[in-house]
């Protein structure tokens, strides 16, 4: 696989990891008791998107590393045929 293929795999893996990481630590305003006037009570009071994007990127690099090792390892190649 060429480098463009690995970029495509990373992008898809990153998106899947994002949907896995998004619900971590998510609590609604009604659960915490901090309902802000004029907002949806089911919305989180603090979303922390930067932290979640960083965790997503690290997790995607790890998963893509596993995919790369699996795709280039000659020992595992005989099982893929």
PDB file of N, CA and C in Angstrom:
ATOM      1  N   UNK A   1       0.855  -1.166   0.000  1.00  0.00           N
ATOM      2  CA  UNK A   1       0.000   0.000   0.000  1.00  0.00           C
ATOM      3  C   UNK A   1       0.909   1.239   0.000  1.00  0.00           C
ATOM      4  N   UNK A   2       0.547   2.230  -0.754  1.00  0.00           N
ATOM      5  CA  UNK A   2       1.343   3.459  -0.809  1.00  0.00           C
ATOM      6  C   UNK A   2       0.916   4.424   0.304  1.00  0.00           C
ATOM      7  N   UNK A   3       1.577   5.562   0.389  1.00  0.00           N
ATOM      8  CA  UNK A   3       1.330   6.488   1.490  1.00  0.00           C
ATOM      9  C   UNK A   3      -0.055   7.115   1.423  1.00  0.00           C
ATOM     10  N   UNK A   4      -0.613   7.238   0.219  1.00  0.00           N
ATOM     11  CA  UNK A   4      -1.972   7.771   0.091  1.00  0.00           C
ATOM     12  C   UNK A   4      -2.982   6.801   0.697  1.00  0.00           C
ATOM     13  N   UNK A   5      -2.730   5.515   0.502  1.00  0.00           N
ATOM     14  CA  UNK A   5      -3.590   4.498   1.108  1.00  0.00           C
ATOM     15  C   UNK A   5      -3.544   4.537   2.628  1.00  0.00           C
ATOM     16  N   UNK A   6      -2.348   4.760   3.182  1.00  0.00           N
ATOM     17  CA  UNK A   6      -2.223   4.851   4.632  1.00  0.00           C
ATOM     18  C   UNK A   6      -2.880   6.108   5.178  1.00  0.00           C
ATOM     19  N   UNK A   7      -2.847   7.190   4.431  1.00  0.00           N
ATOM     20  CA  UNK A   7      -3.552   8.403   4.857  1.00  0.00           C
ATOM     21  C   UNK A   7      -5.062   8.151   4.868  1.00  0.00           C
ATOM     22  N   UNK A   8      -5.558   7.458   3.862  1.00  0.00           N
ATOM     23  CA  UNK A   8      -6.987   7.141   3.813  1.00  0.00           C
ATOM     24  C   UNK A   8      -7.379   6.238   4.987  1.00  0.00           C
ATOM     25  N   UNK A   9      -6.540   5.262   5.290  1.00  0.00           N
ATOM     26  CA  UNK A   9      -6.813   4.375   6.429  1.00  0.00           C
ATOM     27  C   UNK A   9      -6.807   5.183   7.723  1.00  0.00           C
ATOM     28  N   UNK A  10      -5.859   6.121   7.859  1.00  0.00           N
ATOM     29  CA  UNK A  10      -5.800   6.948   9.065  1.00  0.00           C
ATOM     30  C   UNK A  10      -7.053   7.805   9.211  1.00  0.00           C
ATOM     31  N   UNK A  11      -7.513   8.408   8.133  1.00  0.00           N
ATOM     32  CA  UNK A  11      -8.698   9.271   8.207  1.00  0.00           C
ATOM     33  C   UNK A  11      -9.931   8.467   8.625  1.00  0.00           C
ATOM     34  N   UNK A  12     -10.106   7.305   8.031  1.00  0.00           N
ATOM     35  CA  UNK A  12     -11.257   6.465   8.388  1.00  0.00           C
ATOM     36  C   UNK A  12     -11.137   5.992   9.835  1.00  0.00           C
ATOM     37  N   UNK A  13      -9.937   5.580  10.229  1.00  0.00           N
ATOM     38  CA  UNK A  13      -9.717   5.131  11.600  1.00  0.00           C
ATOM     39  C   UNK A  13      -9.935   6.270  12.586  1.00  0.00           C
ATOM     40  N   UNK A  14      -9.495   7.477  12.227  1.00  0.00           N
ATOM     41  CA  UNK A  14      -9.676   8.628  13.103  1.00  0.00           C
ATOM     42  C   UNK A  14     -11.152   8.915  13.323  1.00  0.00           C
ATOM     43  N   UNK A  15     -11.944   8.839  12.261  1.00  0.00           N
ATOM     44  CA  UNK A  15     -13.388   9.094  12.402  1.00  0.00           C
ATOM     45  C   UNK A  15     -14.064   8.052  13.285  1.00  0.00           C
ATOM     46  N   UNK A  16     -13.695   6.788  13.107  1.00  0.00           N
ATOM     47  CA  UNK A  16     -14.278   5.726  13.940  1.00  0.00           C
ATOM     48  C   UNK A  16     -13.877   5.939  15.397  1.00  0.00           C
ATOM     49  N   UNK A  17     -12.611   6.270  15.631  1.00  0.00           N
ATOM     50  CA  UNK A  17     -12.143   6.514  16.998  1.00  0.00           C
ATOM     51  C   UNK A  17     -12.834   7.726  17.610  1.00  0.00           C
ATOM     52  N   UNK A  18     -13.121   8.740  16.809  1.00  0.00           N
ATOM     53  CA  UNK A  18     -13.821   9.919  17.320  1.00  0.00           C
ATOM     54  C   UNK A  18     -15.192   9.539  17.863  1.00  0.00           C
ATOM     55  N   UNK A  19     -15.919   8.709  17.134  1.00  0.00           N
ATOM     56  CA  UNK A  19     -17.242   8.306  17.605  1.00  0.00           C
ATOM     57  C   UNK A  19     -17.164   7.385  18.814  1.00  0.00           C
ATOM     58  N   UNK A  20     -16.036   6.741  19.014  1.00  0.00           N
ATOM     59  CA  UNK A  20     -15.838   5.930  20.210  1.00  0.00           C
ATOM     60  C   UNK A  20     -15.521   6.830  21.403  1.00  0.00           C
ATOM     61  N   UNK A  21     -14.732   7.877  21.202  1.00  0.00           N
ATOM     62  CA  UNK A  21     -14.255   8.727  22.297  1.00  0.00           C
ATOM     63  C   UNK A  21     -15.281   9.789  22.705  1.00  0.00           C
ATOM     64  N   UNK A  22     -16.124  10.246  21.812  1.00  0.00           N
ATOM     65  CA  UNK A  22     -17.046  11.343  22.120  1.00  0.00           C
ATOM     66  C   UNK A  22     -17.905  11.125  23.372  1.00  0.00           C
ATOM     67  N   UNK A  23     -18.454   9.946  23.616  1.00  0.00           N
ATOM     68  CA  UNK A  23     -19.303   9.813  24.806  1.00  0.00           C
ATOM     69  C   UNK A  23     -18.546   9.736  26.138  1.00  0.00           C
ATOM     70  N   UNK A  24     -17.223   9.601  26.136  1.00  0.00           N
ATOM     71  CA  UNK A  24     -16.467   9.488  27.380  1.00  0.00           C
ATOM     72  C   UNK A  24     -16.625  10.752  28.213  1.00  0.00           C
ATOM     73  N   UNK A  25     -17.087  10.608  29.432  1.00  0.00           N
ATOM     74  CA  UNK A  25     -17.213  11.739  30.349  1.00  0.00           C
ATOM     75  C   UNK A  25     -18.295  12.728  30.005  1.00  0.00           C
ATOM     76  N   UNK A  26     -19.209  12.376  29.145  1.00  0.00           N
ATOM     77  CA  UNK A  26     -20.283  13.301  28.765  1.00  0.00           C
ATOM     78  C   UNK A  26     -21.432  13.200  29.774  1.00  0.00           C
ATOM     79  N   UNK A  27     -21.730  14.320  30.405  1.00  0.00           N
ATOM     80  CA  UNK A  27     -22.851  14.412  31.335  1.00  0.00           C
ATOM     81  C   UNK A  27     -23.694  15.594  30.914  1.00  0.00           C
ATOM     82  N   UNK A  28     -24.997  15.430  30.996  1.00  0.00           N
ATOM     83  CA  UNK A  28     -25.886  16.516  30.586  1.00  0.00           C
ATOM     84  C   UNK A  28     -25.984  17.570  31.686  1.00  0.00           C
ATOM     85  N   UNK A  29     -26.489  18.725  31.311  1.00  0.00           N
ATOM     86  CA  UNK A  29     -26.673  19.806  32.279  1.00  0.00           C
ATOM     87  C   UNK A  29     -27.682  19.399  33.345  1.00  0.00           C
ATOM     88  N   UNK A  30     -28.696  18.648  32.953  1.00  0.00           N
ATOM     89  CA  UNK A  30     -29.698  18.238  33.930  1.00  0.00           C
ATOM     90  C   UNK A  30     -29.129  17.224  34.925  1.00  0.00           C
ATOM     91  N   UNK A  31     -28.155  16.407  34.496  1.00  0.00           N
ATOM     92  CA  UNK A  31     -27.527  15.456  35.415  1.00  0.00           C
ATOM     93  C   UNK A  31     -26.629  16.162  36.429  1.00  0.00           C
ATOM     94  N   UNK A  32     -25.935  17.196  35.987  1.00  0.00           N
ATOM     95  CA  UNK A  32     -25.031  17.915  36.886  1.00  0.00           C
ATOM     96  C   UNK A  32     -25.742  18.994  37.696  1.00  0.00           C
ATOM     97  N   UNK A  33     -26.946  19.365  37.309  1.00  0.00           N
ATOM     98  CA  UNK A  33     -27.696  20.397  38.017  1.00  0.00           C
ATOM     99  C   UNK A  33     -27.282  21.806  37.655  1.00  0.00           C
ATOM    100  N   UNK A  34     -26.553  21.981  36.567  1.00  0.00           N
ATOM    101  CA  UNK A  34     -26.079  23.297  36.136  1.00  0.00           C
ATOM    102  C   UNK A  34     -26.755  23.710  34.828  1.00  0.00           C
ATOM    103  N   UNK A  35     -28.059  23.797  34.812  1.00  0.00           N
ATOM    104  CA  UNK A  35     -28.781  24.143  33.595  1.00  0.00           C
ATOM    105  C   UNK A  35     -28.623  25.634  33.312  1.00  0.00           C
ATOM    106  N   UNK A  36     -28.068  25.951  32.145  1.00  0.00           N
ATOM    107  CA  UNK A  36     -27.868  27.333  31.719  1.00  0.00           C
ATOM    108  C   UNK A  36     -29.150  27.800  31.037  1.00  0.00           C
ATOM    109  N   UNK A  37     -29.632  28.958  31.414  1.00  0.00           N
ATOM    110  CA  UNK A  37     -30.885  29.471  30.869  1.00  0.00           C
ATOM    111  C   UNK A  37     -30.769  29.647  29.355  1.00  0.00           C
ATOM    112  N   UNK A  38     -31.768  29.147  28.642  1.00  0.00           N
ATOM    113  CA  UNK A  38     -31.815  29.286  27.194  1.00  0.00           C
ATOM    114  C   UNK A  38     -31.099  28.188  26.430  1.00  0.00           C
ATOM    115  N   UNK A  39     -30.583  27.187  27.111  1.00  0.00           N
ATOM    116  CA  UNK A  39     -29.899  26.092  26.425  1.00  0.00           C
ATOM    117  C   UNK A  39     -30.639  24.777  26.659  1.00  0.00           C
ATOM    118  N   UNK A  40     -30.303  23.793  25.880  1.00  0.00           N
ATOM    119  CA  UNK A  40     -30.909  22.472  25.991  1.00  0.00           C
ATOM    120  C   UNK A  40     -30.408  21.791  27.267  1.00  0.00           C
ATOM    121  N   UNK A  41     -31.302  21.286  28.112  1.00  0.00           N
ATOM    122  CA  UNK A  41     -30.864  20.617  29.346  1.00  0.00           C
ATOM    123  C   UNK A  41     -30.060  19.338  29.089  1.00  0.00           C
ATOM    124  N   UNK A  42     -30.192  18.753  27.915  1.00  0.00           N
ATOM    125  CA  UNK A  42     -29.445  17.537  27.605  1.00  0.00           C
ATOM    126  C   UNK A  42     -28.043  17.807  27.082  1.00  0.00           C
ATOM    127  N   UNK A  43     -27.697  19.074  26.860  1.00  0.00           N
ATOM    128  CA  UNK A  43     -26.369  19.430  26.356  1.00  0.00           C
ATOM    129  C   UNK A  43     -25.361  19.401  27.503  1.00  0.00           C
ATOM    130  N   UNK A  44     -24.125  19.025  27.199  1.00  0.00           N
ATOM    131  CA  UNK A  44     -23.117  19.024  28.264  1.00  0.00           C
ATOM    132  C   UNK A  44     -22.729  20.449  28.653  1.00  0.00           C
ATOM    133  N   UNK A  45     -22.486  20.701  29.952  1.00  0.00           N
ATOM    134  CA  UNK A  45     -22.081  22.046  30.356  1.00  0.00           C
ATOM    135  C   UNK A  45     -20.664  22.388  29.879  1.00  0.00           C
ATOM    136  N   UNK A  46     -19.758  21.422  29.891  1.00  0.00           N
ATOM    137  CA  UNK A  46     -18.386  21.601  29.402  1.00  0.00           C
ATOM    138  C   UNK A  46     -18.090  20.413  28.506  1.00  0.00           C
ATOM    139  N   UNK A  47     -17.780  20.683  27.242  1.00  0.00           N
ATOM    140  CA  UNK A  47     -17.632  19.588  26.274  1.00  0.00           C
ATOM    141  C   UNK A  47     -16.210  19.054  26.186  1.00  0.00           C
ATOM    142  N   UNK A  48     -15.199  19.891  26.366  1.00  0.00           N
ATOM    143  CA  UNK A  48     -13.780  19.513  26.317  1.00  0.00           C
ATOM    144  C   UNK A  48     -13.415  18.836  24.993  1.00  0.00           C
ATOM    145  N   UNK A  49     -13.720  19.478  23.892  1.00  0.00           N
ATOM    146  CA  UNK A  49     -13.480  18.896  22.573  1.00  0.00           C
ATOM    147  C   UNK A  49     -11.991  18.770  22.265  1.00  0.00           C
ATOM    148  N   UNK A  50     -11.165  19.683  22.751  1.00  0.00           N
ATOM    149  CA  UNK A  50      -9.729  19.611  22.485  1.00  0.00           C
ATOM    150  C   UNK A  50      -9.111  18.347  23.063  1.00  0.00           C
ATOM    151  N   UNK A  51      -9.476  18.017  24.284  1.00  0.00           N
ATOM    152  CA  UNK A  51      -8.982  16.807  24.934  1.00  0.00           C
ATOM    153  C   UNK A  51      -9.444  15.564  24.184  1.00  0.00           C
ATOM    154  N   UNK A  52     -10.689  15.573  23.736  1.00  0.00           N
ATOM    155  CA  UNK A  52     -11.217  14.415  23.011  1.00  0.00           C
ATOM    156  C   UNK A  52     -10.563  14.254  21.642  1.00  0.00           C
ATOM    157  N   UNK A  53     -10.242  15.369  20.975  1.00  0.00           N
ATOM    158  CA  UNK A  53      -9.562  15.295  19.686  1.00  0.00           C
ATOM    159  C   UNK A  53      -8.141  14.767  19.845  1.00  0.00           C
ATOM    160  N   UNK A  54      -7.474  15.161  20.925  1.00  0.00           N
ATOM    161  CA  UNK A  54      -6.127  14.664  21.195  1.00  0.00           C
ATOM    162  C   UNK A  54      -6.143  13.164  21.488  1.00  0.00           C
ATOM    163  N   UNK A  55      -7.072  12.721  22.308  1.00  0.00           N
ATOM    164  CA  UNK A  55      -7.198  11.285  22.603  1.00  0.00           C
ATOM    165  C   UNK A  55      -7.534  10.510  21.336  1.00  0.00           C
ATOM    166  N   UNK A  56      -8.402  11.057  20.506  1.00  0.00           N
ATOM    167  CA  UNK A  56      -8.769  10.419  19.246  1.00  0.00           C
ATOM    168  C   UNK A  56      -7.564  10.268  18.331  1.00  0.00           C
ATOM    169  N   UNK A  57      -6.755  11.308  18.237  1.00  0.00           N
ATOM    170  CA  UNK A  57      -5.578  11.256  17.363  1.00  0.00           C
ATOM    171  C   UNK A  57      -4.564  10.228  17.836  1.00  0.00           C
ATOM    172  N   UNK A  58      -4.320  10.173  19.140  1.00  0.00           N
ATOM    173  CA  UNK A  58      -3.376   9.192  19.680  1.00  0.00           C
ATOM    174  C   UNK A  58      -3.905   7.772  19.474  1.00  0.00           C
ATOM    175  N   UNK A  59      -5.171   7.561  19.722  1.00  0.00           N
ATOM    176  CA  UNK A  59      -5.765   6.236  19.532  1.00  0.00           C
ATOM    177  C   UNK A  59      -5.727   5.828  18.059  1.00  0.00           C
ATOM    178  N   UNK A  60      -5.991   6.757  17.152  1.00  0.00           N
ATOM    179  CA  UNK A  60      -5.962   6.453  15.718  1.00  0.00           C
ATOM    180  C   UNK A  60      -4.548   6.114  15.255  1.00  0.00           C
ATOM    181  N   UNK A  61      -3.534   6.803  15.782  1.00  0.00           N
ATOM    182  CA  UNK A  61      -2.146   6.472  15.434  1.00  0.00           C
ATOM    183  C   UNK A  61      -1.814   5.069  15.904  1.00  0.00           C
ATOM    184  N   UNK A  62      -2.235   4.710  17.105  1.00  0.00           N
ATOM    185  CA  UNK A  62      -1.986   3.368  17.630  1.00  0.00           C
ATOM    186  C   UNK A  62      -2.663   2.295  16.779  1.00  0.00           C
ATOM    187  N   UNK A  63      -3.929   2.501  16.437  1.00  0.00           N
ATOM    188  CA  UNK A  63      -4.661   1.525  15.622  1.00  0.00           C
ATOM    189  C   UNK A  63      -4.054   1.429  14.226  1.00  0.00           C
ATOM    190  N   UNK A  64      -3.683   2.550  13.634  1.00  0.00           N
ATOM    191  CA  UNK A  64      -3.056   2.522  12.312  1.00  0.00           C
ATOM    192  C   UNK A  64      -1.694   1.848  12.367  1.00  0.00           C
ATOM    193  N   UNK A  65      -0.983   1.999  13.474  1.00  0.00           N
ATOM    194  CA  UNK A  65       0.273   1.286  13.652  1.00  0.00           C
ATOM    195  C   UNK A  65       0.057  -0.220  13.667  1.00  0.00           C
ATOM    196  N   UNK A  66      -0.985  -0.657  14.344  1.00  0.00           N
ATOM    197  CA  UNK A  66      -1.316  -2.088  14.338  1.00  0.00           C
ATOM    198  C   UNK A  66      -1.685  -2.571  12.938  1.00  0.00           C
ATOM    199  N   UNK A  67      -2.419  -1.759  12.207  1.00  0.00           N
ATOM    200  CA  UNK A  67      -2.783  -2.119  10.831  1.00  0.00           C
ATOM    201  C   UNK A  67      -1.539  -2.186   9.961  1.00  0.00           C
ATOM    202  N   UNK A  68      -0.624  -1.246  10.132  1.00  0.00           N
ATOM    203  CA  UNK A  68       0.619  -1.233   9.345  1.00  0.00           C
ATOM    204  C   UNK A  68       1.459  -2.482   9.653  1.00  0.00           C
ATOM    205  N   UNK A  69       1.603  -2.806  10.920  1.00  0.00           N
ATOM    206  CA  UNK A  69       2.368  -3.999  11.293  1.00  0.00           C
ATOM    207  C   UNK A  69       1.712  -5.246  10.725  1.00  0.00           C
ATOM    208  N   UNK A  70       0.417  -5.305  10.799  1.00  0.00           N
ATOM    209  CA  UNK A  70      -0.283  -6.465  10.249  1.00  0.00           C
ATOM    210  C   UNK A  70      -0.178  -6.570   8.740  1.00  0.00           C
ATOM    211  N   UNK A  71      -0.135  -5.434   8.066  1.00  0.00           N
ATOM    212  CA  UNK A  71      -0.080  -5.446   6.599  1.00  0.00           C
ATOM    213  C   UNK A  71       1.322  -5.692   6.065  1.00  0.00           C
ATOM    214  N   UNK A  72       2.351  -5.353   6.839  1.00  0.00           N
ATOM    215  CA  UNK A  72       3.722  -5.483   6.339  1.00  0.00           C
ATOM    216  C   UNK A  72       4.505  -6.619   6.975  1.00  0.00           C
ATOM    217  N   UNK A  73       3.944  -7.320   7.928  1.00  0.00           N
ATOM    218  CA  UNK A  73       4.641  -8.399   8.611  1.00  0.00           C
ATOM    219  C   UNK A  73       4.643  -9.652   7.738  1.00  0.00           C
ATOM    220  N   UNK A  74       5.813 -10.177   7.369  1.00  0.00           N
ATOM    221  CA  UNK A  74       5.852 -11.360   6.502  1.00  0.00           C
ATOM    222  C   UNK A  74       5.345 -12.623   7.196  1.00  0.00           C
ATOM    223  N   UNK A  75       5.414 -12.677   8.504  1.00  0.00           N
ATOM    224  CA  UNK A  75       4.912 -13.850   9.231  1.00  0.00           C
ATOM    225  C   UNK A  75       3.387 -13.926   9.122  1.00  0.00           C
ATOM    226  N   UNK A  76       2.726 -12.774   9.223  1.00  0.00           N
ATOM    227  CA  UNK A  76       1.270 -12.745   9.138  1.00  0.00           C
ATOM    228  C   UNK A  76       0.755 -12.829   7.709  1.00  0.00           C
ATOM    229  N   UNK A  77       1.619 -12.612   6.745  1.00  0.00           N
ATOM    230  CA  UNK A  77       1.209 -12.585   5.345  1.00  0.00           C
ATOM    231  C   UNK A  77       0.640 -13.928   4.890  1.00  0.00           C
ATOM    232  N   UNK A  78       1.158 -15.018   5.398  1.00  0.00           N
ATOM    233  CA  UNK A  78       0.670 -16.335   4.960  1.00  0.00           C
ATOM    234  C   UNK A  78      -0.766 -16.590   5.412  1.00  0.00           C
ATOM    235  N   UNK A  79      -1.230 -15.900   6.479  1.00  0.00           N
ATOM    236  CA  UNK A  79      -2.600 -16.078   6.939  1.00  0.00           C
ATOM    237  C   UNK A  79      -3.601 -15.278   6.125  1.00  0.00           C
ATOM    238  N   UNK A  80      -3.128 -14.300   5.373  1.00  0.00           N
ATOM    239  CA  UNK A  80      -4.013 -13.447   4.599  1.00  0.00           C
ATOM    240  C   UNK A  80      -4.269 -13.968   3.206  1.00  0.00           C
ATOM    241  N   UNK A  81      -3.635 -15.046   2.831  1.00  0.00           N
ATOM    242  CA  UNK A  81      -3.807 -15.579   1.478  1.00  0.00           C
ATOM    243  C   UNK A  81      -4.892 -16.615   1.435  1.00  0.00           C
TER     244      UNK A  81
END
